[in-house]
Amino acid sequence: MSNTLSYSELAALIQARAGVAVDPLELESPGAHFDDFGVDSLGLLGVVGELENRHGLKVTPGAESAKTPAEFMELVNRSLAAKAGA
């Protein structure tokens, strides 16, 4: 299992857990906000829960409140890196 979350994986998780289809390239766009795609904190909470189940870790608090995909990716990948280093 990868130690980092990619934008493609994030897009698939958003589709599965928040029910919103998002192009991974649009998630990567500078200045992109989850609001632009119709993804709210409840949708992100579902994504966080899935990541925690898959990786057996606690994602950094605040990830479900991230405003941008870049911020979310930073928080999640920091958690994954910390687990890998443990």
Protein backbone atom coordinates (compact mmCIF):
# COMPACT_ATOMS: atom_id res chain seq x y z
CA MET A 1 0.00 0.00 0.00
CA SER A 2 1.34 3.42 -0.94
CA ASN A 3 2.66 5.83 1.68
CA THR A 4 1.15 8.81 -0.12
CA LEU A 5 -2.28 9.72 -1.38
CA SER A 6 -2.46 10.79 -5.02
CA TYR A 7 -4.98 13.14 -6.57
CA SER A 8 -6.37 10.22 -8.58
CA GLU A 9 -6.95 8.26 -5.38
CA LEU A 10 -8.51 11.30 -3.73
CA ALA A 11 -10.88 11.76 -6.67
CA ALA A 12 -11.93 8.08 -6.44
CA LEU A 13 -12.50 8.39 -2.68
CA ILE A 14 -14.58 11.56 -3.14
CA GLN A 15 -16.69 9.72 -5.72
CA ALA A 16 -17.15 6.70 -3.44
CA ARG A 17 -17.66 8.47 -0.11
CA ALA A 18 -19.10 11.88 -1.01
CA GLY A 19 -20.92 10.88 -4.19
CA VAL A 20 -19.29 13.64 -6.23
CA ALA A 21 -17.44 12.95 -9.48
CA VAL A 22 -14.30 15.07 -9.68
CA ASP A 23 -11.55 15.13 -12.30
CA PRO A 24 -8.19 14.56 -10.54
CA LEU A 25 -6.60 17.23 -12.73
CA GLU A 26 -9.12 19.77 -11.48
CA LEU A 27 -8.29 18.83 -7.88
CA GLU A 28 -4.64 19.62 -8.64
CA SER A 29 -5.41 23.06 -10.06
CA PRO A 30 -3.87 25.87 -8.04
CA GLY A 31 -6.58 27.70 -6.17
CA ALA A 32 -9.05 24.79 -6.31
CA HIS A 33 -11.42 24.63 -3.35
CA PHE A 34 -13.64 21.74 -2.31
CA ASP A 35 -16.63 24.11 -2.46
CA ASP A 36 -15.99 24.48 -6.20
CA PHE A 37 -16.77 20.77 -6.61
CA GLY A 38 -19.66 20.54 -4.16
CA VAL A 39 -17.65 18.62 -1.58
CA ASP A 40 -18.40 19.61 2.02
CA SER A 41 -16.89 18.66 5.37
CA LEU A 42 -19.30 15.75 5.75
CA GLY A 43 -18.09 14.32 2.43
CA LEU A 44 -14.48 14.79 3.53
CA LEU A 45 -15.27 13.09 6.82
CA GLY A 46 -16.30 10.01 4.82
CA VAL A 47 -13.05 10.17 2.86
CA VAL A 48 -11.03 10.49 6.09
CA GLY A 49 -12.88 7.53 7.61
CA GLU A 50 -12.11 5.38 4.57
CA LEU A 51 -8.43 6.36 4.66
CA GLU A 52 -8.21 5.58 8.37
CA ASN A 53 -9.78 2.16 7.79
CA ARG A 54 -7.53 1.35 4.83
CA HIS A 55 -4.29 2.43 6.43
CA GLY A 56 -5.00 1.70 10.09
CA LEU A 57 -4.12 5.19 11.20
CA LYS A 58 -5.60 8.34 12.62
CA VAL A 59 -5.46 11.12 10.03
CA THR A 60 -4.21 14.46 11.29
CA PRO A 61 -7.09 16.33 12.94
CA GLY A 62 -8.60 18.99 10.73
CA ALA A 63 -8.36 17.09 7.44
CA GLU A 64 -12.16 16.90 7.22
CA SER A 65 -12.26 20.70 7.52
CA ALA A 66 -9.68 21.34 4.79
CA LYS A 67 -10.81 24.00 2.34
CA THR A 68 -8.58 22.95 -0.56
CA PRO A 69 -7.46 19.64 -2.03
CA ALA A 70 -3.82 20.73 -1.57
CA GLU A 71 -4.39 21.33 2.15
CA PHE A 72 -6.17 17.97 2.50
CA MET A 73 -3.38 16.14 0.66
CA GLU A 74 -0.74 17.75 2.88
CA LEU A 75 -2.52 16.72 6.08
CA VAL A 76 -3.23 13.17 4.92
CA ASN A 77 0.22 12.57 3.46
CA ARG A 78 1.81 13.90 6.66
CA SER A 79 -0.18 11.28 8.60
CA LEU A 80 0.82 8.53 6.18
CA ALA A 81 4.48 9.53 6.36
CA ALA A 82 4.39 9.57 10.17
CA LYS A 83 2.93 6.05 10.19
CA ALA A 84 5.56 4.83 7.73
CA GLY A 85 8.31 6.28 9.92
CA ALA A 86 6.94 4.72 13.09
